[in-house]
Amino acid sequence: MVNNVITIPHGVMRVLNCDWDIDWRSQSAGEGAEGSEQIFLQPFPRWIGTPQLILHGEAIRLWRATRAKARGRANVYRVPLLEKSNLPNAYGQADSRGRPLNGNYGDGPTVPLVNAAAPGATSIVVTETFHRAGIGRYISIADWPYLVVDRQRVGPGSANWILTIEMPLRRAAAAGATVNLIAHGLFRAREDTMGNPEVGLGDVSTPQLSFAEWINRP
């Protein structure tokens, strides 16, 4: 089955909440008589999230069209993992009510990967000239999202930083690869009716979304 990737423009990802999380999909081997419990992590963790949007006017129509292209769960969404603190960078120009002046499909600021990294790596090295990947921020490489859990400068005065990430790297990344500081990932809707934009007074809609990462991709 061919999955079409439907990009959600930043112009509709105006979030009321941000609850992106890693679903480790751990399993218990059972509790022993002494009360101990052994937990096993699955080899394929994934990102999940249930962002709620707040949309006005043309942004409602843009989301309605984007959602229809996905055909429920048949296709895959390319989703920016936005939170309120990085909305200005994601949006660019906006009107007096904070609404985007265009659909804005841009990916936002990036930094380059210094060294190649293999699957399973728990850290990467990037060059930060104008933008930085702060602790607790979401980043992505080739639409695989990660969370920055620590950062250390390579040496005094160096523009290169070692970023410790969770989850470990899922795919190999070449030296010079683009690291997106506004993370993007590929997700499926968790139900066909997800995000139907009910429009209320004032031409405002607050659709609730629910995503699970598409991890069995080529």
N, C-alpha and C. Protein backbone atom coordinates (compact mmCIF):
# COMPACT_ATOMS: atom_id res chain seq x y z
N MET A 1 0.84 -1.19 0.00
CA MET A 1 0.00 0.00 0.00
C MET A 1 0.88 1.24 0.00
N VAL A 2 0.62 2.17 -0.92
CA VAL A 2 1.37 3.41 -0.99
C VAL A 2 0.73 4.43 -0.06
N ASN A 3 1.52 4.98 0.86
CA ASN A 3 1.03 6.00 1.78
C ASN A 3 1.44 7.37 1.29
N ASN A 4 0.48 8.21 0.95
CA ASN A 4 0.80 9.59 0.60
C ASN A 4 1.07 10.37 1.87
N VAL A 5 2.06 11.24 1.82
CA VAL A 5 2.42 12.08 2.97
C VAL A 5 1.77 13.44 2.79
N ILE A 6 0.92 13.81 3.72
CA ILE A 6 0.18 15.08 3.68
C ILE A 6 0.81 16.03 4.69
N THR A 7 1.45 17.08 4.22
CA THR A 7 2.11 18.03 5.11
C THR A 7 1.08 18.96 5.76
N ILE A 8 1.12 19.04 7.08
CA ILE A 8 0.29 20.01 7.79
C ILE A 8 1.05 21.33 7.82
N PRO A 9 0.53 22.37 7.19
CA PRO A 9 1.24 23.66 7.21
C PRO A 9 1.27 24.24 8.62
N HIS A 10 2.36 24.94 8.93
CA HIS A 10 2.46 25.57 10.25
C HIS A 10 1.29 26.52 10.50
N GLY A 11 0.70 27.03 9.43
CA GLY A 11 -0.39 27.97 9.57
C GLY A 11 -1.62 27.41 10.25
N VAL A 12 -1.73 26.08 10.37
CA VAL A 12 -2.87 25.52 11.11
C VAL A 12 -2.44 24.89 12.43
N MET A 13 -1.15 24.78 12.68
CA MET A 13 -0.69 24.15 13.93
C MET A 13 -0.55 25.18 15.03
N ARG A 14 -1.64 25.91 15.28
CA ARG A 14 -1.65 26.86 16.38
C ARG A 14 -2.24 26.14 17.59
N VAL A 15 -1.36 25.70 18.48
CA VAL A 15 -1.76 24.74 19.50
C VAL A 15 -2.21 25.41 20.79
N LEU A 16 -3.25 24.82 21.39
CA LEU A 16 -3.67 25.21 22.73
C LEU A 16 -2.89 24.43 23.78
N ASN A 17 -2.47 23.23 23.42
CA ASN A 17 -1.69 22.42 24.36
C ASN A 17 -0.57 21.71 23.60
N CYS A 18 0.33 21.13 24.36
CA CYS A 18 1.47 20.42 23.77
C CYS A 18 1.76 19.21 24.65
N ASP A 19 1.44 18.01 24.17
CA ASP A 19 1.65 16.83 25.01
C ASP A 19 2.39 15.72 24.25
N TRP A 20 3.26 16.10 23.32
CA TRP A 20 4.03 15.09 22.60
C TRP A 20 4.84 14.27 23.59
N ASP A 21 4.85 12.96 23.39
CA ASP A 21 5.52 12.08 24.34
C ASP A 21 6.03 10.84 23.62
N ILE A 22 7.04 10.21 24.24
CA ILE A 22 7.57 8.95 23.72
C ILE A 22 6.78 7.81 24.35
N ASP A 23 6.20 6.99 23.51
CA ASP A 23 5.52 5.77 23.97
C ASP A 23 6.54 4.64 23.88
N TRP A 24 7.11 4.28 25.03
CA TRP A 24 8.16 3.27 25.06
C TRP A 24 7.60 1.86 24.86
N ARG A 25 6.31 1.71 25.03
CA ARG A 25 5.62 0.43 24.83
C ARG A 25 6.29 -0.68 25.64
N SER A 26 6.57 -0.38 26.89
CA SER A 26 7.21 -1.36 27.77
C SER A 26 6.22 -2.46 28.16
N GLN A 27 6.77 -3.62 28.49
CA GLN A 27 5.97 -4.75 28.94
C GLN A 27 6.56 -5.32 30.22
N SER A 28 5.69 -5.79 31.08
CA SER A 28 6.12 -6.37 32.34
C SER A 28 6.22 -7.89 32.19
N ALA A 29 7.29 -8.44 32.77
CA ALA A 29 7.43 -9.90 32.81
C ALA A 29 6.70 -10.50 34.00
N GLY A 30 6.01 -9.63 34.74
CA GLY A 30 5.28 -10.10 35.91
C GLY A 30 5.98 -9.71 37.19
N GLU A 31 5.21 -9.70 38.26
CA GLU A 31 5.74 -9.32 39.57
C GLU A 31 6.11 -10.56 40.36
N GLY A 32 7.32 -10.55 40.92
CA GLY A 32 7.77 -11.68 41.73
C GLY A 32 7.12 -11.70 43.10
N ALA A 33 7.32 -12.80 43.81
CA ALA A 33 6.73 -12.94 45.15
C ALA A 33 7.24 -11.89 46.11
N GLU A 34 8.47 -11.42 45.88
CA GLU A 34 9.05 -10.41 46.77
C GLU A 34 8.68 -8.99 46.35
N GLY A 35 7.85 -8.85 45.33
CA GLY A 35 7.39 -7.53 44.91
C GLY A 35 8.18 -6.90 43.80
N SER A 36 9.25 -7.54 43.34
CA SER A 36 10.05 -6.98 42.25
C SER A 36 9.34 -7.18 40.92
N GLU A 37 9.65 -6.33 39.97
CA GLU A 37 9.03 -6.40 38.65
C GLU A 37 10.08 -6.11 37.60
N GLN A 38 10.12 -6.91 36.56
CA GLN A 38 11.07 -6.71 35.47
C GLN A 38 10.33 -6.13 34.27
N ILE A 39 10.87 -5.03 33.76
CA ILE A 39 10.24 -4.33 32.64
C ILE A 39 11.11 -4.48 31.39
N PHE A 40 10.48 -4.81 30.29
CA PHE A 40 11.17 -4.94 29.01
C PHE A 40 10.69 -3.83 28.08
N LEU A 41 11.65 -3.15 27.45
CA LEU A 41 11.33 -2.14 26.45
C LEU A 41 11.23 -2.77 25.08
N GLN A 42 10.22 -2.38 24.33
CA GLN A 42 10.08 -2.85 22.96
C GLN A 42 11.16 -2.20 22.10
N PRO A 43 11.60 -2.87 21.04
CA PRO A 43 12.66 -2.30 20.19
C PRO A 43 12.19 -1.14 19.32
N PHE A 44 10.89 -0.88 19.26
CA PHE A 44 10.38 0.15 18.36
C PHE A 44 9.47 1.13 19.11
N PRO A 45 10.06 1.99 19.94
CA PRO A 45 9.24 3.04 20.57
C PRO A 45 8.74 4.01 19.52
N ARG A 46 7.77 4.83 19.89
CA ARG A 46 7.19 5.76 18.93
C ARG A 46 6.73 7.02 19.66
N TRP A 47 6.54 8.08 18.90
CA TRP A 47 5.97 9.32 19.44
C TRP A 47 4.45 9.29 19.31
N ILE A 48 3.79 9.83 20.32
CA ILE A 48 2.34 10.00 20.29
C ILE A 48 2.02 11.42 20.74
N GLY A 49 0.84 11.90 20.38
CA GLY A 49 0.45 13.25 20.81
C GLY A 49 -1.01 13.51 20.52
N THR A 50 -1.61 14.36 21.36
CA THR A 50 -3.01 14.75 21.18
C THR A 50 -3.13 16.27 21.24
N PRO A 51 -2.49 16.98 20.30
CA PRO A 51 -2.58 18.44 20.32
C PRO A 51 -3.99 18.93 20.01
N GLN A 52 -4.37 20.00 20.68
CA GLN A 52 -5.63 20.66 20.35
C GLN A 52 -5.31 21.99 19.70
N LEU A 53 -5.98 22.29 18.60
CA LEU A 53 -5.72 23.50 17.84
C LEU A 53 -6.73 24.58 18.17
N ILE A 54 -6.37 25.83 17.90
CA ILE A 54 -7.34 26.92 17.91
C ILE A 54 -7.19 27.64 16.57
N LEU A 55 -8.23 27.58 15.76
CA LEU A 55 -8.18 28.06 14.39
C LEU A 55 -9.21 29.15 14.16
N HIS A 56 -8.83 30.13 13.34
CA HIS A 56 -9.71 31.24 13.00
C HIS A 56 -9.83 31.32 11.48
N GLY A 57 -11.03 31.61 11.01
CA GLY A 57 -11.24 31.97 9.61
C GLY A 57 -10.62 31.04 8.60
N GLU A 58 -9.70 31.59 7.79
CA GLU A 58 -9.12 30.83 6.69
C GLU A 58 -8.30 29.65 7.18
N ALA A 59 -7.75 29.73 8.40
CA ALA A 59 -7.01 28.58 8.93
C ALA A 59 -7.92 27.38 9.11
N ILE A 60 -9.18 27.60 9.43
CA ILE A 60 -10.14 26.50 9.54
C ILE A 60 -10.30 25.82 8.18
N ARG A 61 -10.47 26.61 7.14
CA ARG A 61 -10.63 26.05 5.81
C ARG A 61 -9.37 25.32 5.35
N LEU A 62 -8.22 25.86 5.70
CA LEU A 62 -6.95 25.21 5.34
C LEU A 62 -6.83 23.85 6.03
N TRP A 63 -7.19 23.78 7.31
CA TRP A 63 -7.15 22.51 8.02
C TRP A 63 -8.17 21.53 7.45
N ARG A 64 -9.37 22.02 7.13
CA ARG A 64 -10.41 21.15 6.57
C ARG A 64 -9.91 20.49 5.28
N ALA A 65 -9.25 21.27 4.43
CA ALA A 65 -8.73 20.74 3.17
C ALA A 65 -7.59 19.75 3.42
N THR A 66 -6.69 20.10 4.34
CA THR A 66 -5.56 19.22 4.66
C THR A 66 -6.06 17.88 5.19
N ARG A 67 -7.03 17.94 6.09
CA ARG A 67 -7.59 16.73 6.70
C ARG A 67 -8.24 15.83 5.65
N ALA A 68 -8.95 16.43 4.70
CA ALA A 68 -9.61 15.63 3.66
C ALA A 68 -8.59 14.88 2.81
N LYS A 69 -7.44 15.51 2.55
CA LYS A 69 -6.40 14.85 1.75
C LYS A 69 -5.89 13.58 2.43
N ALA A 70 -5.90 13.54 3.76
CA ALA A 70 -5.38 12.38 4.48
C ALA A 70 -6.30 11.18 4.38
N ARG A 71 -7.57 11.40 4.06
CA ARG A 71 -8.54 10.30 3.90
C ARG A 71 -8.58 9.43 5.16
N GLY A 72 -8.82 10.06 6.29
CA GLY A 72 -8.87 9.33 7.55
C GLY A 72 -7.51 8.79 7.92
N ARG A 73 -7.41 7.47 8.07
CA ARG A 73 -6.13 6.84 8.42
C ARG A 73 -5.41 6.25 7.22
N ALA A 74 -5.92 6.51 6.00
CA ALA A 74 -5.33 5.89 4.82
C ALA A 74 -3.96 6.47 4.49
N ASN A 75 -3.79 7.78 4.71
CA ASN A 75 -2.53 8.44 4.41
C ASN A 75 -1.85 8.91 5.69
N VAL A 76 -0.70 9.52 5.53
CA VAL A 76 0.16 9.88 6.66
C VAL A 76 0.32 11.39 6.71
N TYR A 77 0.25 11.95 7.91
CA TYR A 77 0.47 13.38 8.10
C TYR A 77 1.95 13.65 8.40
N ARG A 78 2.48 14.70 7.78
CA ARG A 78 3.78 15.24 8.22
C ARG A 78 3.47 16.39 9.16
N VAL A 79 3.81 16.20 10.44
CA VAL A 79 3.34 17.09 11.50
C VAL A 79 4.51 17.85 12.11
N PRO A 80 4.43 19.18 12.23
CA PRO A 80 5.42 19.92 13.02
C PRO A 80 5.08 19.81 14.50
N LEU A 81 6.07 19.43 15.31
CA LEU A 81 5.85 19.29 16.75
C LEU A 81 6.02 20.65 17.41
N LEU A 82 5.03 21.49 17.24
CA LEU A 82 5.12 22.86 17.72
C LEU A 82 4.68 22.97 19.16
N GLU A 83 5.29 23.90 19.87
CA GLU A 83 4.82 24.31 21.19
C GLU A 83 4.78 25.83 21.20
N LYS A 84 4.12 26.41 22.18
CA LYS A 84 3.84 27.84 22.12
C LYS A 84 5.10 28.69 22.06
N SER A 85 6.19 28.22 22.67
CA SER A 85 7.40 29.03 22.71
C SER A 85 8.09 29.13 21.36
N ASN A 86 7.83 28.21 20.44
CA ASN A 86 8.46 28.34 19.12
C ASN A 86 7.48 28.66 18.01
N LEU A 87 6.26 29.07 18.37
CA LEU A 87 5.30 29.48 17.34
C LEU A 87 5.78 30.66 16.51
N PRO A 88 6.39 31.72 17.09
CA PRO A 88 6.83 32.84 16.25
C PRO A 88 7.80 32.41 15.16
N ASN A 89 8.77 31.53 15.50
CA ASN A 89 9.72 31.06 14.50
C ASN A 89 9.03 30.24 13.43
N ALA A 90 8.00 29.50 13.83
CA ALA A 90 7.31 28.64 12.87
C ALA A 90 6.43 29.45 11.93
N TYR A 91 5.85 30.51 12.45
CA TYR A 91 4.87 31.24 11.67
C TYR A 91 5.46 32.26 10.73
N GLY A 92 6.51 32.95 11.15
CA GLY A 92 6.94 34.10 10.37
C GLY A 92 5.96 35.23 10.58
N GLN A 93 5.55 35.90 9.52
CA GLN A 93 4.66 37.04 9.64
C GLN A 93 3.25 36.61 10.06
N ALA A 94 2.64 37.42 10.92
CA ALA A 94 1.28 37.14 11.38
C ALA A 94 0.53 38.45 11.51
N ASP A 95 -0.80 38.36 11.54
CA ASP A 95 -1.59 39.57 11.69
C ASP A 95 -1.73 39.94 13.16
N SER A 96 -2.55 40.95 13.45
CA SER A 96 -2.65 41.46 14.82
C SER A 96 -3.24 40.46 15.80
N ARG A 97 -3.91 39.41 15.30
CA ARG A 97 -4.47 38.39 16.17
C ARG A 97 -3.60 37.14 16.22
N GLY A 98 -2.38 37.25 15.68
CA GLY A 98 -1.47 36.12 15.72
C GLY A 98 -1.73 35.08 14.65
N ARG A 99 -2.57 35.39 13.68
CA ARG A 99 -2.88 34.43 12.64
C ARG A 99 -1.87 34.55 11.50
N PRO A 100 -1.45 33.43 10.90
CA PRO A 100 -0.46 33.50 9.82
C PRO A 100 -1.02 34.21 8.61
N LEU A 101 -0.15 34.93 7.93
CA LEU A 101 -0.57 35.62 6.71
C LEU A 101 -0.53 34.71 5.50
N ASN A 102 0.01 33.50 5.66
CA ASN A 102 -0.02 32.53 4.57
C ASN A 102 0.02 31.14 5.20
N GLY A 103 -0.05 30.12 4.35
CA GLY A 103 -0.07 28.75 4.86
C GLY A 103 1.20 28.37 5.58
N ASN A 104 2.34 28.91 5.15
CA ASN A 104 3.63 28.69 5.77
C ASN A 104 3.98 27.21 5.89
N TYR A 105 4.53 26.67 4.82
CA TYR A 105 4.96 25.28 4.81
C TYR A 105 6.45 25.15 5.13
N GLY A 106 7.15 26.25 5.45
CA GLY A 106 8.57 26.19 5.73
C GLY A 106 8.87 25.35 6.96
N ASP A 107 10.09 24.82 7.02
CA ASP A 107 10.45 23.92 8.11
C ASP A 107 11.11 24.62 9.29
N GLY A 108 11.37 25.92 9.19
CA GLY A 108 11.96 26.63 10.32
C GLY A 108 13.47 26.49 10.38
N PRO A 109 14.09 26.93 11.49
CA PRO A 109 15.55 26.94 11.60
C PRO A 109 16.15 25.54 11.65
N THR A 110 17.39 25.44 11.18
CA THR A 110 18.09 24.16 11.16
C THR A 110 19.54 24.35 11.59
N VAL A 111 20.19 23.25 11.94
CA VAL A 111 21.63 23.21 12.16
C VAL A 111 22.17 21.97 11.45
N PRO A 112 23.46 21.97 11.04
CA PRO A 112 24.01 20.80 10.36
C PRO A 112 24.62 19.80 11.35
N LEU A 113 24.54 18.53 10.97
CA LEU A 113 25.19 17.46 11.73
C LEU A 113 26.67 17.43 11.36
N VAL A 114 27.54 17.41 12.37
CA VAL A 114 28.98 17.46 12.11
C VAL A 114 29.51 16.10 11.66
N ASN A 115 29.18 15.05 12.42
CA ASN A 115 29.70 13.72 12.15
C ASN A 115 28.55 12.77 11.79
N ALA A 116 28.86 11.76 10.99
CA ALA A 116 27.88 10.72 10.73
C ALA A 116 27.53 10.01 12.03
N ALA A 117 26.30 9.54 12.13
CA ALA A 117 25.84 8.85 13.33
C ALA A 117 25.08 7.59 12.93
N ALA A 118 25.30 6.52 13.68
CA ALA A 118 24.70 5.22 13.37
C ALA A 118 23.41 5.02 14.14
N PRO A 119 22.53 4.16 13.66
CA PRO A 119 21.33 3.84 14.43
C PRO A 119 21.69 3.35 15.83
N GLY A 120 20.94 3.80 16.82
CA GLY A 120 21.22 3.44 18.20
C GLY A 120 22.07 4.45 18.93
N ALA A 121 22.64 5.43 18.20
CA ALA A 121 23.45 6.47 18.86
C ALA A 121 22.57 7.27 19.82
N THR A 122 23.14 7.61 20.97
CA THR A 122 22.40 8.39 21.97
C THR A 122 22.84 9.85 22.00
N SER A 123 23.78 10.22 21.12
CA SER A 123 24.19 11.62 21.03
C SER A 123 24.60 11.93 19.60
N ILE A 124 24.49 13.20 19.24
CA ILE A 124 24.91 13.68 17.93
C ILE A 124 25.68 14.98 18.15
N VAL A 125 26.50 15.36 17.16
CA VAL A 125 27.26 16.61 17.23
C VAL A 125 26.76 17.54 16.13
N VAL A 126 26.41 18.77 16.52
CA VAL A 126 25.90 19.76 15.57
C VAL A 126 26.69 21.05 15.69
N THR A 127 26.64 21.85 14.63
CA THR A 127 27.24 23.19 14.64
C THR A 127 26.15 24.22 14.84
N GLU A 128 26.26 25.01 15.91
CA GLU A 128 25.27 26.03 16.21
C GLU A 128 25.87 27.41 15.96
N THR A 129 25.52 28.00 14.84
CA THR A 129 26.02 29.33 14.49
C THR A 129 25.02 30.41 14.86
N PHE A 130 23.79 30.25 14.43
CA PHE A 130 22.75 31.26 14.70
C PHE A 130 21.64 30.72 15.60
N HIS A 131 21.40 29.43 15.57
CA HIS A 131 20.29 28.84 16.32
C HIS A 131 20.83 27.75 17.23
N ARG A 132 20.10 27.49 18.34
CA ARG A 132 20.55 26.47 19.29
C ARG A 132 19.44 25.48 19.57
N ALA A 133 19.86 24.27 19.90
CA ALA A 133 18.92 23.21 20.28
C ALA A 133 18.98 23.07 21.80
N GLY A 134 18.04 23.70 22.48
CA GLY A 134 18.06 23.72 23.94
C GLY A 134 17.58 22.42 24.55
N ILE A 135 17.95 22.22 25.81
CA ILE A 135 17.49 21.04 26.55
C ILE A 135 15.97 21.08 26.66
N GLY A 136 15.35 19.92 26.44
CA GLY A 136 13.90 19.82 26.48
C GLY A 136 13.21 20.18 25.19
N ARG A 137 13.99 20.51 24.15
CA ARG A 137 13.41 20.86 22.86
C ARG A 137 13.28 19.62 21.97
N TYR A 138 12.28 19.66 21.08
CA TYR A 138 12.12 18.63 20.07
C TYR A 138 12.93 19.01 18.84
N ILE A 139 13.67 18.04 18.30
CA ILE A 139 14.39 18.21 17.04
C ILE A 139 14.05 17.02 16.16
N SER A 140 14.45 17.08 14.90
CA SER A 140 14.23 15.92 14.04
C SER A 140 15.30 15.85 12.97
N ILE A 141 15.54 14.63 12.50
CA ILE A 141 16.43 14.37 11.38
C ILE A 141 15.66 13.50 10.40
N ALA A 142 15.49 13.99 9.18
CA ALA A 142 14.75 13.25 8.14
C ALA A 142 13.37 12.83 8.63
N ASP A 143 12.72 13.73 9.37
CA ASP A 143 11.36 13.51 9.89
C ASP A 143 11.27 12.40 10.93
N TRP A 144 12.39 12.12 11.62
CA TRP A 144 12.38 11.27 12.81
C TRP A 144 12.60 12.18 14.01
N PRO A 145 11.61 12.34 14.89
CA PRO A 145 11.74 13.28 16.01
C PRO A 145 12.57 12.70 17.17
N TYR A 146 13.20 13.62 17.91
CA TYR A 146 13.97 13.29 19.12
C TYR A 146 13.80 14.41 20.13
N LEU A 147 14.13 14.10 21.37
CA LEU A 147 14.10 15.10 22.44
C LEU A 147 15.52 15.33 22.94
N VAL A 148 15.94 16.58 23.03
CA VAL A 148 17.27 16.91 23.56
C VAL A 148 17.22 16.84 25.08
N VAL A 149 18.02 15.96 25.68
CA VAL A 149 18.01 15.79 27.13
C VAL A 149 19.27 16.34 27.80
N ASP A 150 20.30 16.64 27.00
CA ASP A 150 21.52 17.26 27.55
C ASP A 150 22.30 17.86 26.39
N ARG A 151 23.17 18.83 26.70
CA ARG A 151 24.02 19.44 25.68
C ARG A 151 25.33 19.86 26.33
N GLN A 152 26.43 19.63 25.61
CA GLN A 152 27.76 19.99 26.08
C GLN A 152 28.56 20.55 24.91
N ARG A 153 29.25 21.68 25.16
CA ARG A 153 30.11 22.24 24.12
C ARG A 153 31.30 21.32 23.89
N VAL A 154 31.69 21.14 22.63
CA VAL A 154 32.79 20.24 22.30
C VAL A 154 34.10 20.74 22.91
N GLY A 155 34.32 22.05 22.90
CA GLY A 155 35.52 22.63 23.48
C GLY A 155 35.33 24.11 23.69
N PRO A 156 36.22 24.76 24.45
CA PRO A 156 36.07 26.19 24.72
C PRO A 156 35.97 27.00 23.42
N GLY A 157 34.94 27.82 23.31
CA GLY A 157 34.76 28.67 22.15
C GLY A 157 34.27 27.97 20.91
N SER A 158 34.08 26.65 20.97
CA SER A 158 33.65 25.91 19.79
C SER A 158 32.18 26.17 19.49
N ALA A 159 31.85 26.19 18.20
CA ALA A 159 30.44 26.29 17.79
C ALA A 159 29.78 24.92 17.71
N ASN A 160 30.56 23.86 17.97
CA ASN A 160 30.03 22.51 17.91
C ASN A 160 29.55 22.06 19.29
N TRP A 161 28.39 21.41 19.31
CA TRP A 161 27.79 20.95 20.56
C TRP A 161 27.40 19.48 20.44
N ILE A 162 27.63 18.76 21.55
CA ILE A 162 27.17 17.37 21.64
C ILE A 162 25.77 17.39 22.25
N LEU A 163 24.80 16.88 21.51
CA LEU A 163 23.42 16.80 21.99
C LEU A 163 23.10 15.36 22.36
N THR A 164 22.73 15.14 23.60
CA THR A 164 22.24 13.83 24.02
C THR A 164 20.74 13.77 23.74
N ILE A 165 20.30 12.70 23.11
CA ILE A 165 18.91 12.64 22.65
C ILE A 165 18.20 11.38 23.16
N GLU A 166 16.91 11.49 23.25
CA GLU A 166 16.01 10.35 23.47
C GLU A 166 14.89 10.47 22.45
N MET A 167 14.46 9.42 21.89
CA MET A 167 14.98 8.09 21.95
C MET A 167 16.28 7.99 21.16
N PRO A 168 17.02 6.86 21.25
CA PRO A 168 18.23 6.72 20.44
C PRO A 168 17.91 6.86 18.94
N LEU A 169 18.94 7.21 18.19
CA LEU A 169 18.79 7.46 16.76
C LEU A 169 18.16 6.25 16.06
N ARG A 170 17.11 6.49 15.29
CA ARG A 170 16.39 5.39 14.64
C ARG A 170 16.98 5.00 13.28
N ARG A 171 17.54 5.95 12.56
CA ARG A 171 18.13 5.68 11.25
C ARG A 171 19.51 6.33 11.18
N ALA A 172 20.37 5.79 10.33
CA ALA A 172 21.69 6.38 10.13
C ALA A 172 21.54 7.79 9.59
N ALA A 173 22.45 8.67 10.02
CA ALA A 173 22.45 10.06 9.55
C ALA A 173 23.85 10.41 9.08
N ALA A 174 23.95 11.00 7.90
CA ALA A 174 25.24 11.32 7.31
C ALA A 174 25.76 12.65 7.83
N ALA A 175 27.08 12.82 7.79
CA ALA A 175 27.68 14.11 8.13
C ALA A 175 27.11 15.18 7.21
N GLY A 176 26.76 16.32 7.78
CA GLY A 176 26.16 17.40 7.01
C GLY A 176 24.65 17.32 6.91
N ALA A 177 24.05 16.26 7.47
CA ALA A 177 22.59 16.13 7.42
C ALA A 177 21.93 17.29 8.15
N THR A 178 20.73 17.63 7.72
CA THR A 178 19.98 18.73 8.32
C THR A 178 19.28 18.27 9.58
N VAL A 179 19.47 19.02 10.66
CA VAL A 179 18.76 18.80 11.91
C VAL A 179 17.74 19.92 12.05
N ASN A 180 16.48 19.59 12.04
CA ASN A 180 15.41 20.58 12.17
C ASN A 180 15.19 20.94 13.63
N LEU A 181 15.27 22.23 13.95
CA LEU A 181 15.06 22.68 15.33
C LEU A 181 13.58 22.86 15.66
N ILE A 182 12.74 22.88 14.66
CA ILE A 182 11.31 22.67 14.85
C ILE A 182 11.05 21.27 14.29
N ALA A 183 10.88 20.32 15.20
CA ALA A 183 10.82 18.92 14.80
C ALA A 183 9.62 18.65 13.90
N HIS A 184 9.81 17.71 13.00
CA HIS A 184 8.72 17.19 12.16
C HIS A 184 8.75 15.67 12.24
N GLY A 185 7.58 15.08 12.16
CA GLY A 185 7.48 13.63 12.16
C GLY A 185 6.34 13.18 11.27
N LEU A 186 6.34 11.90 10.95
CA LEU A 186 5.28 11.31 10.14
C LEU A 186 4.34 10.52 11.05
N PHE A 187 3.06 10.88 11.00
CA PHE A 187 2.08 10.33 11.94
C PHE A 187 0.82 9.90 11.21
N ARG A 188 0.17 8.89 11.80
CA ARG A 188 -1.17 8.51 11.37
C ARG A 188 -2.19 9.04 12.38
N ALA A 189 -3.36 9.40 11.88
CA ALA A 189 -4.48 9.68 12.77
C ALA A 189 -4.86 8.39 13.49
N ARG A 190 -5.30 8.50 14.74
CA ARG A 190 -5.66 7.31 15.49
C ARG A 190 -7.10 6.89 15.27
N GLU A 191 -7.86 7.73 14.58
CA GLU A 191 -9.21 7.37 14.16
C GLU A 191 -9.58 8.19 12.93
N ASP A 192 -10.48 7.67 12.12
CA ASP A 192 -10.82 8.32 10.86
C ASP A 192 -11.44 9.69 11.04
N THR A 193 -12.16 9.88 12.14
CA THR A 193 -12.89 11.15 12.34
C THR A 193 -12.07 12.20 13.08
N MET A 194 -10.79 11.93 13.30
CA MET A 194 -9.95 12.85 14.06
C MET A 194 -9.95 14.25 13.46
N GLY A 195 -10.11 15.26 14.33
CA GLY A 195 -9.88 16.63 13.93
C GLY A 195 -10.97 17.29 13.12
N ASN A 196 -12.18 16.70 13.10
CA ASN A 196 -13.26 17.34 12.35
C ASN A 196 -13.52 18.73 12.94
N PRO A 197 -13.34 19.81 12.16
CA PRO A 197 -13.39 21.16 12.72
C PRO A 197 -14.82 21.69 12.87
N GLU A 198 -15.35 21.56 14.06
CA GLU A 198 -16.65 22.16 14.35
C GLU A 198 -16.45 23.66 14.54
N VAL A 199 -17.19 24.45 13.79
CA VAL A 199 -17.00 25.90 13.79
C VAL A 199 -18.04 26.54 14.70
N GLY A 200 -17.55 27.33 15.68
CA GLY A 200 -18.44 27.98 16.61
C GLY A 200 -18.61 29.46 16.31
N LEU A 201 -19.12 30.19 17.30
CA LEU A 201 -19.31 31.62 17.15
C LEU A 201 -17.98 32.31 16.89
N GLY A 202 -18.02 33.34 16.06
CA GLY A 202 -16.81 34.09 15.77
C GLY A 202 -15.90 33.41 14.78
N ASP A 203 -16.42 32.37 14.08
CA ASP A 203 -15.61 31.66 13.09
C ASP A 203 -14.35 31.09 13.73
N VAL A 204 -14.53 30.42 14.87
CA VAL A 204 -13.43 29.82 15.63
C VAL A 204 -13.69 28.32 15.77
N SER A 205 -12.63 27.53 15.66
CA SER A 205 -12.75 26.09 15.85
C SER A 205 -11.59 25.59 16.69
N THR A 206 -11.83 24.60 17.55
CA THR A 206 -10.78 24.03 18.40
C THR A 206 -10.74 22.51 18.24
N PRO A 207 -10.36 22.02 17.06
CA PRO A 207 -10.36 20.57 16.84
C PRO A 207 -9.31 19.86 17.68
N GLN A 208 -9.67 18.66 18.14
CA GLN A 208 -8.77 17.82 18.93
C GLN A 208 -8.15 16.78 18.00
N LEU A 209 -6.83 16.69 18.00
CA LEU A 209 -6.11 15.74 17.15
C LEU A 209 -5.57 14.60 18.01
N SER A 210 -5.27 13.49 17.38
CA SER A 210 -4.68 12.35 18.08
C SER A 210 -3.82 11.57 17.09
N PHE A 211 -2.50 11.54 17.34
CA PHE A 211 -1.55 10.97 16.40
C PHE A 211 -0.71 9.87 17.05
N ALA A 212 -0.32 8.90 16.22
CA ALA A 212 0.69 7.91 16.58
C ALA A 212 1.71 7.86 15.45
N GLU A 213 2.99 7.85 15.80
CA GLU A 213 4.04 7.92 14.78
C GLU A 213 4.01 6.71 13.85
N TRP A 214 4.24 6.98 12.59
CA TRP A 214 4.37 5.93 11.57
C TRP A 214 5.82 5.47 11.56
N ILE A 215 6.08 4.30 12.12
CA ILE A 215 7.47 3.86 12.28
C ILE A 215 7.87 2.74 11.33
N ASN A 216 6.91 2.06 10.72
CA ASN A 216 7.26 0.96 9.80
C ASN A 216 7.33 1.45 8.37
N ARG A 217 8.01 2.59 8.20
CA ARG A 217 8.10 3.19 6.88
C ARG A 217 9.40 2.77 6.21
N PRO A 218 9.50 2.94 4.90
CA PRO A 218 10.72 2.52 4.18
C PRO A 218 11.95 3.24 4.68
